[in-house]
């Protein structure tokens, strides 16, 4: 509530009609008056009339914790032939078995995958699988190898599964060759033709209620972003009708239903999901609104490989400028597009003293020393204020020490180039989607481990530089739970002409969730600085 109030107080300088009022007799009024005087403001509390009516129409003590956000009795099926490609279906020589009795939410049960006799004891019979369950929430089983119990002689793999939320779930399973270089010989197939385990999309597991899942519906504030903010993917169609009119729900529905009819989960399309923290709720990503509200933002830099290039061009620029233009226009040219620096400016309203915000992207993949090229960003008039950085996917062969060293090189170079005032957000390595393609050395197992190595390195970096604002976002579980939102198994944003949106209309959804965290945290940081007077409106 207070974070929203700060933003409302900030907007009072916009010249809207205002009314003086006395609210001291109300709990809400007391909070506002306290906040008013915290900013050193004197005189009567003056609020825009629209703000006042909105505040007085709200219950003074709104319920913050709920147990029934989702309708767990509803069954929503995935249309089309395959989850990861609406134009294809392909089952391989594997079958699944699930318990006959309904498992209980929060309790562990075992699923079995059996290789056919033709591949039993051979490399084509994998020791692990990509297991994905779709119902009121999404659950993808971790690639940590110690949880899989594989018997190579009989070709059977037992997989422990725990689903926290009750409901009816589709089961989707694909083979996953977890070790380096273990893709099958018929690797030439592309775009959605990895063989699924028989029964995928057809098998339903009904999970009985267990311990209630608690959701908090208060606004997310800076305190929530100071540590890991656990969350999960929630089905829009399963949200209880009593909550669907909430502004944060409506904002997500609006974003979800924009575009291809196939992606409209409320009208028979593919079921769509939104990523929600447990501890708080935030509205859907709105770049233009957030850039306008984050008053300290002058120059935002994206540093990393093609994962960040695609989100920079295909989401950020596209939404802020109404399309893709300039050096973000896609081409197959390695130096002219894939590796080249990119940038644009976004003009702000005339009453914003910043005038505009600059956005830049610099490519770093296998040559970690290329991070030194960011020094050229000093040539711009706008000081770098915010950085999003990631390296990882192309370091699949690295040892933990080697990867940790690369992370440290990048972070130290950022400080040397931009100083200690810059806000740094480190994105841990994303997942890959084995249902779409099998990559020789880019494996979920390695990418999951990289997040662990990076976390230790970042903690050590914070100890050395306690005044630097460094936030980490664990992107792996967010994208790992949305295989149908990947364009080619590696990217979570559409780039170029493939894939056809009729094949995968959900491409981009997981990326939106990641950036909601990044930009939402920056906004709350900004509101905190405004609250304590370190920045002005």
Protein backbone atom coordinates (compact mmCIF):
# COMPACT_ATOMS: atom_id res chain seq x y z
CA UNK A 1 0.00 0.00 0.00
CA UNK A 2 2.74 2.48 0.95
CA UNK A 3 4.68 1.86 -2.28
CA UNK A 4 1.60 2.72 -4.30
CA UNK A 5 1.10 5.81 -2.14
CA UNK A 6 4.64 7.02 -2.83
CA UNK A 7 3.97 6.85 -6.54
CA UNK A 8 0.69 8.70 -6.04
CA UNK A 9 2.40 11.47 -4.07
CA UNK A 10 5.02 11.76 -6.77
CA UNK A 11 2.32 12.27 -9.41
CA UNK A 12 0.84 15.21 -7.49
CA UNK A 13 3.35 17.50 -9.22
CA UNK A 14 1.75 16.76 -12.58
CA UNK A 15 -0.81 19.56 -12.24
CA UNK A 16 -3.93 17.44 -11.71
CA UNK A 17 -6.96 18.89 -9.85
CA UNK A 18 -6.43 18.51 -6.12
CA UNK A 19 -8.46 18.76 -2.95
CA UNK A 20 -7.35 19.44 0.62
CA UNK A 21 -8.61 16.98 3.17
CA UNK A 22 -8.26 15.80 6.74
CA UNK A 23 -7.90 12.04 7.10
CA UNK A 24 -6.36 11.86 10.56
CA UNK A 25 -9.30 9.90 11.95
CA UNK A 26 -8.74 7.03 9.51
CA UNK A 27 -6.05 4.39 9.68
CA UNK A 28 -5.29 5.00 6.02
CA UNK A 29 -5.26 8.74 6.57
CA UNK A 30 -2.81 8.43 9.45
CA UNK A 31 -0.47 6.44 7.25
CA UNK A 32 -0.66 9.03 4.50
CA UNK A 33 -0.07 11.93 6.87
CA UNK A 34 2.92 10.14 8.40
CA UNK A 35 4.28 9.54 4.92
CA UNK A 36 3.59 13.18 4.01
CA UNK A 37 5.68 14.43 6.93
CA UNK A 38 8.43 11.85 6.31
CA UNK A 39 9.14 13.74 3.12
CA UNK A 40 9.45 16.99 5.09
CA UNK A 41 6.27 18.42 3.58
CA UNK A 42 4.25 20.95 5.57
CA UNK A 43 0.63 22.09 5.47
CA UNK A 44 -2.52 20.11 4.82
CA UNK A 45 -2.34 16.84 2.93
CA UNK A 46 -3.30 17.58 -0.67
CA UNK A 47 -4.24 14.71 -2.97
CA UNK A 48 -5.45 14.51 -6.56
CA UNK A 49 -9.24 13.99 -6.43
CA UNK A 50 -9.01 10.75 -8.44
CA UNK A 51 -6.43 9.41 -5.99
CA UNK A 52 -8.55 10.41 -2.99
CA UNK A 53 -11.71 8.74 -4.27
CA UNK A 54 -9.77 5.61 -5.15
CA UNK A 55 -8.19 5.39 -1.71
CA UNK A 56 -11.46 5.99 0.15
CA UNK A 57 -13.25 3.35 -1.92
CA UNK A 58 -10.82 0.65 -0.76
CA UNK A 59 -11.38 -1.34 2.43
CA UNK A 60 -9.05 -0.02 5.09
CA UNK A 61 -7.94 -3.50 6.10
CA UNK A 62 -7.74 -5.50 2.87
CA UNK A 63 -7.12 -9.22 3.19
CA UNK A 64 -3.48 -9.89 2.27
CA UNK A 65 -3.33 -13.68 2.53
CA UNK A 66 -5.62 -15.96 0.52
CA UNK A 67 -5.82 -19.73 0.03
CA UNK A 68 -8.16 -19.98 -2.95
CA UNK A 69 -6.53 -18.00 -5.76
CA UNK A 70 -6.98 -20.98 -8.11
CA UNK A 71 -9.89 -23.24 -9.04
CA UNK A 72 -8.27 -26.63 -8.54
CA UNK A 73 -11.24 -28.66 -9.84
CA UNK A 74 -11.06 -27.34 -13.41
CA UNK A 75 -9.39 -29.36 -16.17
CA UNK A 76 -7.99 -27.33 -19.07
CA UNK A 77 -6.51 -29.27 -21.97
CA UNK A 78 -3.78 -28.22 -24.38
CA UNK A 79 -5.20 -28.08 -27.93
CA UNK A 80 -3.28 -29.05 -31.04
CA UNK A 81 -1.00 -31.97 -31.66
CA UNK A 82 1.91 -31.09 -29.41
CA UNK A 83 2.64 -28.64 -26.64
CA UNK A 84 5.92 -27.43 -28.14
CA UNK A 85 4.83 -27.38 -31.78
CA UNK A 86 1.22 -27.03 -32.88
CA UNK A 87 2.04 -28.53 -36.29
CA UNK A 88 3.81 -31.69 -35.21
CA UNK A 89 3.54 -34.75 -33.02
CA UNK A 90 6.16 -37.43 -32.58
CA UNK A 91 6.30 -40.22 -30.00
CA UNK A 92 9.48 -42.19 -29.40
CA UNK A 93 10.22 -45.69 -28.06
CA UNK A 94 9.36 -44.85 -24.45
CA UNK A 95 6.26 -45.21 -22.25
CA UNK A 96 5.22 -43.77 -18.89
CA UNK A 97 3.43 -45.10 -15.82
CA UNK A 98 1.85 -42.94 -13.11
CA UNK A 99 0.25 -44.07 -9.83
CA UNK A 100 -3.34 -45.32 -9.94
CA UNK A 101 -4.15 -43.55 -6.68
CA UNK A 102 -4.35 -39.78 -6.66
CA UNK A 103 -1.22 -38.23 -5.14
CA UNK A 104 -1.55 -35.56 -2.46
CA UNK A 105 -0.36 -31.99 -2.96
CA UNK A 106 3.00 -31.43 -1.30
CA UNK A 107 3.78 -35.15 -1.03
CA UNK A 108 6.25 -37.02 -3.24
CA UNK A 109 5.16 -39.76 -5.63
CA UNK A 110 7.04 -41.76 -8.25
CA UNK A 111 6.63 -41.80 -12.01
CA UNK A 112 8.27 -44.50 -14.17
CA UNK A 113 9.49 -44.21 -17.74
CA UNK A 114 10.31 -47.42 -19.61
CA UNK A 115 12.42 -47.69 -22.76
CA UNK A 116 11.20 -50.16 -25.39
CA UNK A 117 13.14 -53.39 -25.90
CA UNK A 118 14.64 -52.06 -29.14
CA UNK A 119 16.73 -49.43 -27.30
CA UNK A 120 17.11 -51.01 -23.86
CA UNK A 121 20.76 -50.93 -22.78
CA UNK A 122 21.72 -48.56 -25.61
CA UNK A 123 22.65 -44.87 -25.58
CA UNK A 124 19.23 -44.01 -27.08
CA UNK A 125 17.69 -45.02 -23.74
CA UNK A 126 18.34 -41.93 -21.59
CA UNK A 127 19.02 -41.86 -17.88
CA UNK A 128 16.93 -38.71 -17.34
CA UNK A 129 13.84 -37.05 -18.77
CA UNK A 130 12.30 -33.62 -19.10
CA UNK A 131 9.08 -33.99 -17.08
CA UNK A 132 6.55 -31.18 -17.35
CA UNK A 133 3.11 -31.04 -15.68
CA UNK A 134 0.44 -28.53 -16.67
CA UNK A 135 -2.62 -27.73 -14.58
CA UNK A 136 -3.54 -24.84 -12.29
CA UNK A 137 0.23 -24.31 -12.03
CA UNK A 138 3.26 -25.53 -13.95
CA UNK A 139 5.79 -28.00 -12.55
CA UNK A 140 9.01 -29.01 -14.31
CA UNK A 141 11.27 -31.55 -12.62
CA UNK A 142 14.80 -30.35 -11.87
CA UNK A 143 17.66 -31.69 -14.01
CA UNK A 144 19.70 -32.57 -10.91
CA UNK A 145 20.85 -36.09 -11.70
CA UNK A 146 20.76 -37.42 -8.14
CA UNK A 147 16.96 -37.47 -8.17
CA UNK A 148 16.70 -39.82 -11.17
CA UNK A 149 16.97 -43.57 -10.50
CA UNK A 150 17.95 -45.25 -13.76
CA UNK A 151 18.46 -48.98 -14.29
CA UNK A 152 20.41 -49.31 -17.53
CA UNK A 153 19.87 -53.08 -17.75
CA UNK A 154 16.08 -52.97 -17.83
CA UNK A 155 15.80 -49.46 -19.34
CA UNK A 156 13.65 -48.14 -16.53
CA UNK A 157 13.90 -44.73 -14.86
CA UNK A 158 12.08 -43.76 -11.68
CA UNK A 159 11.43 -40.05 -11.15
CA UNK A 160 10.22 -38.57 -7.83
CA UNK A 161 7.64 -35.80 -8.30
CA UNK A 162 6.15 -33.31 -5.85
CA UNK A 163 3.34 -30.96 -6.89
CA UNK A 164 2.60 -28.25 -4.28
CA UNK A 165 -0.81 -27.22 -5.68
CA UNK A 166 -3.86 -29.50 -5.92
CA UNK A 167 -5.56 -29.86 -9.29
CA UNK A 168 -5.70 -31.87 -12.52
CA UNK A 169 -2.46 -31.94 -14.49
CA UNK A 170 -1.50 -33.01 -17.99
CA UNK A 171 1.77 -34.96 -18.03
CA UNK A 172 4.34 -34.24 -20.76
CA UNK A 173 7.65 -36.13 -20.89
CA UNK A 174 10.57 -36.00 -23.31
CA UNK A 175 13.91 -37.84 -23.27
CA UNK A 176 16.86 -35.83 -22.05
CA UNK A 177 20.40 -36.87 -22.76
CA UNK A 178 22.12 -35.27 -19.80
CA UNK A 179 25.78 -35.87 -20.65
CA UNK A 180 27.93 -33.93 -23.08
CA UNK A 181 27.71 -35.11 -26.67
CA UNK A 182 24.92 -37.65 -26.17
CA UNK A 183 22.42 -36.50 -28.77
CA UNK A 184 21.02 -39.29 -30.98
CA UNK A 185 22.27 -39.80 -34.52
CA UNK A 186 19.04 -38.53 -36.14
CA UNK A 187 19.70 -35.04 -34.77
CA UNK A 188 18.89 -33.39 -38.12
CA UNK A 189 15.22 -32.88 -37.26
CA UNK A 190 14.39 -29.32 -36.29
CA UNK A 191 11.70 -27.27 -34.61
CA UNK A 192 9.58 -29.40 -32.38
CA UNK A 193 10.25 -32.94 -33.55
CA UNK A 194 12.02 -34.35 -30.52
CA UNK A 195 10.27 -37.62 -29.66
CA UNK A 196 7.89 -37.44 -26.71
CA UNK A 197 7.24 -40.30 -24.33
CA UNK A 198 4.02 -42.12 -25.25
CA UNK A 199 1.09 -40.78 -23.26
CA UNK A 200 2.39 -37.20 -23.21
CA UNK A 201 -0.51 -34.77 -23.20
CA UNK A 202 -2.96 -37.65 -22.81
CA UNK A 203 -2.11 -38.77 -19.27
CA UNK A 204 -3.89 -36.84 -16.49
CA UNK A 205 -2.81 -36.86 -12.85
CA UNK A 206 -5.34 -35.61 -10.32
CA UNK A 207 -3.59 -34.19 -7.27
CA UNK A 208 -5.69 -34.17 -4.09
CA UNK A 209 -5.63 -31.20 -1.70
CA UNK A 210 -2.89 -31.14 0.88
CA UNK A 211 -1.49 -28.26 2.86
CA UNK A 212 -3.09 -25.05 1.49
CA UNK A 213 -0.94 -22.85 -0.73
CA UNK A 214 -0.86 -19.30 0.63
CA UNK A 215 -0.83 -16.31 -1.71
CA UNK A 216 -0.26 -12.76 -0.51
CA UNK A 217 -2.00 -10.14 -2.64
CA UNK A 218 -0.22 -7.04 -1.33
CA UNK A 219 1.92 -4.97 -3.70
CA UNK A 220 5.53 -6.05 -4.17
CA UNK A 221 7.93 -3.59 -2.51
CA UNK A 222 11.70 -3.26 -2.40
CA UNK A 223 11.84 -5.52 0.66
CA UNK A 224 10.54 -8.45 -1.39
CA UNK A 225 13.28 -7.97 -3.98
CA UNK A 226 16.15 -7.93 -1.49
CA UNK A 227 16.32 -11.73 -1.53
CA UNK A 228 15.04 -14.56 -3.68
CA UNK A 229 11.35 -14.01 -4.45
CA UNK A 230 9.84 -17.49 -4.81
CA UNK A 231 6.99 -17.79 -7.26
CA UNK A 232 5.25 -20.10 -9.69
CA UNK A 233 3.45 -20.07 -13.02
CA UNK A 234 -0.32 -19.77 -12.56
CA UNK A 235 -2.93 -20.64 -15.18
CA UNK A 236 -5.01 -17.61 -16.15
CA UNK A 237 -8.02 -19.82 -16.82
CA UNK A 238 -7.79 -21.29 -13.30
CA UNK A 239 -7.81 -17.97 -11.43
CA UNK A 240 -10.88 -17.90 -9.21
CA UNK A 241 -13.52 -15.52 -10.67
CA UNK A 242 -13.66 -13.57 -7.41
CA UNK A 243 -10.10 -12.34 -8.05
CA UNK A 244 -10.20 -11.81 -11.81
CA UNK A 245 -11.27 -8.16 -11.47
CA UNK A 246 -8.19 -7.26 -9.43
CA UNK A 247 -6.10 -4.70 -11.38
CA UNK A 248 -2.97 -6.84 -11.34
CA UNK A 249 -4.91 -9.82 -12.73
CA UNK A 250 -6.56 -7.70 -15.42
CA UNK A 251 -3.19 -6.32 -16.53
CA UNK A 252 -1.87 -9.86 -17.04
CA UNK A 253 -5.00 -10.94 -18.91
CA UNK A 254 -4.69 -7.93 -21.22
CA UNK A 255 -1.08 -8.74 -22.06
CA UNK A 256 -1.77 -12.45 -22.47
CA UNK A 257 -4.69 -12.08 -24.87
CA UNK A 258 -2.96 -9.55 -27.11
CA UNK A 259 -1.91 -11.00 -30.46
CA UNK A 260 -2.49 -14.44 -31.94
CA UNK A 261 -5.90 -16.03 -31.22
CA UNK A 262 -4.02 -19.27 -30.56
CA UNK A 263 -2.53 -17.59 -27.51
CA UNK A 264 -5.90 -16.54 -26.04
CA UNK A 265 -6.33 -19.02 -23.20
CA UNK A 266 -9.70 -17.55 -22.20
CA UNK A 267 -11.29 -18.37 -25.55
CA UNK A 268 -10.14 -21.88 -26.39
CA UNK A 269 -6.53 -21.17 -27.25
CA UNK A 270 -3.45 -22.69 -25.69
CA UNK A 271 -3.64 -22.30 -21.89
CA UNK A 272 -1.46 -19.39 -20.86
CA UNK A 273 0.23 -18.80 -17.54
CA UNK A 274 1.49 -15.80 -15.58
CA UNK A 275 4.41 -15.84 -13.18
CA UNK A 276 3.35 -14.76 -9.68
CA UNK A 277 5.42 -14.47 -6.50
CA UNK A 278 3.88 -16.03 -3.40
CA UNK A 279 4.68 -13.12 -1.08
CA UNK A 280 3.19 -10.30 -3.16
CA UNK A 281 1.60 -9.52 -6.53
CA UNK A 282 2.64 -7.12 -9.28
CA UNK A 283 1.02 -5.99 -12.54
CA UNK A 284 2.11 -7.22 -15.95
CA UNK A 285 5.22 -5.81 -17.58
CA UNK A 286 4.67 -2.38 -19.15
CA UNK A 287 7.97 -0.98 -20.40
CA UNK A 288 6.76 2.53 -21.22
CA UNK A 289 5.07 2.96 -17.84
CA UNK A 290 8.08 1.66 -15.91
CA UNK A 291 10.65 3.69 -17.84
CA UNK A 292 8.56 6.77 -17.15
CA UNK A 293 8.29 6.00 -13.43
CA UNK A 294 11.94 5.03 -12.76
CA UNK A 295 13.21 8.60 -12.51
CA UNK A 296 16.86 7.66 -11.92
CA UNK A 297 16.97 5.78 -15.23
CA UNK A 298 19.13 7.51 -17.85
CA UNK A 299 20.99 4.78 -19.71
CA UNK A 300 20.23 1.03 -19.54
CA UNK A 301 22.80 -1.44 -20.86
CA UNK A 302 22.17 -5.10 -21.74
CA UNK A 303 25.39 -7.17 -21.73
CA UNK A 304 25.40 -10.83 -22.73
CA UNK A 305 24.84 -13.32 -25.51
CA UNK A 306 21.92 -13.84 -27.88
CA UNK A 307 19.50 -14.41 -24.99
CA UNK A 308 19.72 -10.72 -24.08
CA UNK A 309 19.98 -9.59 -27.70
CA UNK A 310 16.61 -11.11 -28.53
CA UNK A 311 14.87 -9.56 -25.54
CA UNK A 312 16.52 -6.19 -26.25
CA UNK A 313 15.44 -6.04 -29.89
CA UNK A 314 12.31 -8.16 -30.11
CA UNK A 315 10.67 -7.09 -26.84
CA UNK A 316 12.19 -3.91 -25.40
CA UNK A 317 12.63 -1.90 -28.62
CA UNK A 318 9.53 -3.35 -30.22
CA UNK A 319 7.30 -2.30 -27.33
CA UNK A 320 8.85 1.09 -26.63
CA UNK A 321 9.12 2.23 -30.26
CA UNK A 322 6.18 0.31 -31.72
CA UNK A 323 8.36 -1.95 -33.86
CA UNK A 324 11.90 -3.11 -34.60
CA UNK A 325 14.18 -0.74 -36.49
CA UNK A 326 17.78 0.28 -37.09
CA UNK A 327 20.51 -2.13 -36.05
CA UNK A 328 17.91 -4.39 -34.40
CA UNK A 329 16.48 -5.38 -37.80
CA UNK A 330 17.14 -9.12 -38.11
CA UNK A 331 19.61 -10.54 -40.63
CA UNK A 332 21.80 -13.63 -40.91
CA UNK A 333 24.96 -11.52 -41.00
CA UNK A 334 27.26 -12.63 -38.18
CA UNK A 335 29.13 -9.36 -37.68
CA UNK A 336 26.46 -7.01 -38.97
CA UNK A 337 23.69 -8.33 -36.73
CA UNK A 338 24.49 -11.16 -34.34
CA UNK A 339 27.65 -9.68 -32.80
CA UNK A 340 27.20 -5.97 -33.46
CA UNK A 341 26.42 -3.32 -30.84
CA UNK A 342 22.85 -2.06 -30.76
CA UNK A 343 21.11 0.93 -29.27
CA UNK A 344 18.21 3.38 -29.40
CA UNK A 345 16.66 6.21 -27.41
CA UNK A 346 13.14 6.46 -26.02
CA UNK A 347 11.63 9.94 -25.83
CA UNK A 348 9.83 10.87 -22.63
CA UNK A 349 6.89 13.28 -22.18
CA UNK A 350 7.76 17.00 -22.39
CA UNK A 351 7.34 17.49 -18.63
CA UNK A 352 10.00 14.86 -17.82
CA UNK A 353 13.33 16.70 -17.30
CA UNK A 354 15.30 13.66 -18.48
CA UNK A 355 14.10 14.19 -22.04
CA UNK A 356 14.79 10.61 -23.07
CA UNK A 357 16.35 7.34 -21.89
CA UNK A 358 19.09 5.57 -23.84
CA UNK A 359 19.20 1.77 -24.23
CA UNK A 360 22.32 -0.11 -25.38
CA UNK A 361 23.16 -3.76 -26.00
CA UNK A 362 26.64 -5.32 -26.19
CA UNK A 363 27.26 -8.92 -27.24
CA UNK A 364 29.46 -11.23 -25.17
CA UNK A 365 29.52 -14.97 -25.65
CA UNK A 366 32.67 -17.08 -25.68
CA UNK A 367 35.28 -14.30 -25.52
CA UNK A 368 34.88 -13.09 -21.97
CA UNK A 369 37.48 -10.35 -22.46
CA UNK A 370 35.08 -8.64 -24.88
CA UNK A 371 33.44 -7.13 -21.81
CA UNK A 372 36.12 -4.44 -21.99
CA UNK A 373 34.40 -3.10 -25.10
CA UNK A 374 31.73 -1.58 -22.87
CA UNK A 375 34.14 1.28 -22.20
CA UNK A 376 32.82 2.87 -25.40
CA UNK A 377 29.52 3.54 -23.65
CA UNK A 378 31.18 6.50 -21.93
CA UNK A 379 30.99 8.37 -25.23
CA UNK A 380 27.28 9.00 -24.70
CA UNK A 381 26.01 12.00 -22.78
CA UNK A 382 23.67 9.86 -20.69
CA UNK A 383 25.46 8.18 -17.76
CA UNK A 384 24.93 4.44 -17.43
CA UNK A 385 22.54 3.93 -14.52
CA UNK A 386 21.24 0.35 -14.94
CA UNK A 387 22.89 -2.81 -16.28
CA UNK A 388 21.42 -6.23 -17.07
CA UNK A 389 24.17 -8.79 -17.55
CA UNK A 390 24.44 -12.50 -18.25
CA UNK A 391 27.09 -14.88 -19.49
CA UNK A 392 26.66 -18.60 -19.29
CA UNK A 393 24.98 -20.64 -21.98
CA UNK A 394 28.10 -20.99 -24.13
CA UNK A 395 30.27 -22.07 -21.19
CA UNK A 396 28.84 -25.57 -20.99
CA UNK A 397 32.28 -27.18 -20.95
CA UNK A 398 33.66 -24.95 -18.19
CA UNK A 399 34.49 -26.24 -14.73
CA UNK A 400 32.85 -24.50 -11.77
CA UNK A 401 36.03 -22.55 -11.05
CA UNK A 402 36.34 -21.45 -14.67
CA UNK A 403 32.76 -20.26 -14.83
CA UNK A 404 33.02 -18.46 -11.48
CA UNK A 405 36.13 -16.69 -12.76
CA UNK A 406 34.24 -15.48 -15.84
CA UNK A 407 31.42 -14.12 -13.68
CA UNK A 408 33.92 -12.23 -11.53
CA UNK A 409 35.70 -10.74 -14.57
CA UNK A 410 32.44 -9.31 -15.86
CA UNK A 411 31.32 -7.85 -12.52
CA UNK A 412 34.67 -6.22 -11.76
CA UNK A 413 34.81 -4.74 -15.25
CA UNK A 414 31.36 -3.21 -14.78
CA UNK A 415 32.54 -1.41 -11.66
CA UNK A 416 35.71 -0.22 -13.35
CA UNK A 417 33.73 1.13 -16.30
CA UNK A 418 30.63 2.60 -14.66
CA UNK A 419 31.48 3.20 -11.01
CA UNK A 420 29.75 2.09 -7.85
CA UNK A 421 26.53 4.04 -8.40
CA UNK A 422 25.26 1.74 -11.16
CA UNK A 423 22.44 -0.76 -10.47
CA UNK A 424 23.51 -4.21 -11.66
CA UNK A 425 21.12 -7.10 -12.28
CA UNK A 426 22.75 -10.46 -12.95
CA UNK A 427 20.57 -13.00 -14.75
CA UNK A 428 21.56 -16.58 -14.06
CA UNK A 429 21.81 -18.90 -17.06
CA UNK A 430 18.54 -19.80 -18.72
CA UNK A 431 17.40 -23.33 -19.48
CA UNK A 432 17.25 -25.07 -22.84
CA UNK A 433 14.21 -26.97 -24.08
CA UNK A 434 15.14 -30.55 -24.99
CA UNK A 435 11.60 -31.15 -26.37
CA UNK A 436 12.55 -28.84 -29.23
CA UNK A 437 16.14 -29.81 -29.90
CA UNK A 438 19.00 -31.77 -28.39
CA UNK A 439 22.18 -29.73 -28.08
CA UNK A 440 25.52 -31.50 -27.86
CA UNK A 441 26.96 -29.58 -24.92
CA UNK A 442 24.25 -27.09 -23.87
CA UNK A 443 22.50 -29.19 -21.25
CA UNK A 444 19.96 -28.31 -18.58
CA UNK A 445 22.15 -29.99 -15.98
CA UNK A 446 25.12 -27.71 -16.67
CA UNK A 447 23.04 -24.57 -17.00
CA UNK A 448 21.30 -25.23 -13.68
CA UNK A 449 24.69 -25.70 -12.01
CA UNK A 450 25.97 -22.43 -13.44
CA UNK A 451 23.38 -20.56 -11.41
CA UNK A 452 24.80 -22.13 -8.24
CA UNK A 453 28.35 -21.14 -9.18
CA UNK A 454 27.30 -17.60 -10.08
CA UNK A 455 25.42 -17.18 -6.79
CA UNK A 456 28.55 -18.01 -4.78
CA UNK A 457 30.65 -15.64 -6.88
CA UNK A 458 28.14 -12.80 -6.55
CA UNK A 459 27.98 -13.24 -2.77
CA UNK A 460 31.77 -12.92 -2.63
CA UNK A 461 31.56 -9.85 -4.88
CA UNK A 462 29.04 -8.25 -2.51
CA UNK A 463 31.39 -8.87 0.42
CA UNK A 464 34.15 -7.01 -1.44
CA UNK A 465 31.84 -4.20 -2.59
CA UNK A 466 29.13 -3.80 0.08
CA UNK A 467 27.88 -0.44 -1.25
CA UNK A 468 27.22 -1.66 -4.80
CA UNK A 469 23.62 -2.50 -5.74
CA UNK A 470 23.86 -6.00 -7.25
CA UNK A 471 20.71 -8.06 -7.62
CA UNK A 472 20.53 -11.57 -9.05
CA UNK A 473 17.54 -13.16 -10.76
CA UNK A 474 17.42 -16.92 -11.12
CA UNK A 475 15.96 -17.16 -14.60
CA UNK A 476 16.48 -20.92 -14.95
CA UNK A 477 13.34 -22.22 -13.18
CA UNK A 478 11.23 -19.46 -14.74
CA UNK A 479 12.01 -20.44 -18.33
CA UNK A 480 12.50 -24.14 -17.57
CA UNK A 481 8.80 -24.38 -16.68
CA UNK A 482 7.72 -22.89 -20.03
CA UNK A 483 9.18 -25.08 -22.84
CA UNK A 484 6.44 -23.97 -25.25
CA UNK A 485 7.64 -20.35 -25.00
CA UNK A 486 11.06 -21.06 -26.51
CA UNK A 487 11.60 -20.24 -30.18
CA UNK A 488 14.35 -22.76 -30.95
CA UNK A 489 15.14 -24.47 -27.67
CA UNK A 490 17.51 -21.71 -26.52
CA UNK A 491 15.75 -18.37 -27.00
CA UNK A 492 12.59 -17.17 -25.27
CA UNK A 493 11.87 -14.34 -27.68
CA UNK A 494 10.95 -14.47 -31.36
CA UNK A 495 13.92 -13.55 -33.57
CA UNK A 496 13.76 -13.53 -37.34
CA UNK A 497 11.17 -15.45 -39.32
CA UNK A 498 11.22 -18.74 -37.40
CA UNK A 499 9.43 -20.31 -35.75
CA UNK A 500 6.06 -19.71 -37.37
CA UNK A 501 3.75 -18.42 -34.63
CA UNK A 502 1.25 -21.07 -35.66
CA UNK A 503 3.83 -23.58 -34.42
CA UNK A 504 4.62 -21.90 -31.09
CA UNK A 505 2.33 -18.93 -30.39
CA UNK A 506 3.53 -18.62 -26.80
CA UNK A 507 7.11 -17.61 -27.67
CA UNK A 508 8.16 -14.71 -25.44
CA UNK A 509 5.97 -15.35 -22.41
CA UNK A 510 8.79 -16.51 -20.14
CA UNK A 511 10.96 -13.54 -21.08
CA UNK A 512 8.20 -11.15 -20.02
CA UNK A 513 8.18 -12.76 -16.57
CA UNK A 514 11.94 -12.33 -16.14
CA UNK A 515 11.82 -8.66 -17.11
CA UNK A 516 8.84 -8.03 -14.82
CA UNK A 517 11.18 -8.93 -11.96
CA UNK A 518 14.08 -6.82 -13.24
CA UNK A 519 12.15 -3.63 -13.98
CA UNK A 520 9.79 -4.07 -11.03
CA UNK A 521 12.76 -4.23 -8.65
CA UNK A 522 14.32 -1.14 -10.23
CA UNK A 523 11.08 0.77 -9.70
CA UNK A 524 10.93 -0.19 -6.03
CA UNK A 525 14.60 0.78 -5.58
CA UNK A 526 13.76 4.14 -7.10
CA UNK A 527 10.77 4.64 -4.82
CA UNK A 528 12.99 3.88 -1.82
CA UNK A 529 15.53 6.48 -2.92
CA UNK A 530 12.72 8.99 -3.43
CA UNK A 531 11.33 8.11 -0.02
CA UNK A 532 14.65 8.99 1.62
CA UNK A 533 15.29 12.03 -0.52
CA UNK A 534 18.25 10.80 -2.60
CA UNK A 535 16.43 11.49 -5.88
CA UNK A 536 13.75 13.99 -6.84
CA UNK A 537 10.74 13.80 -9.13
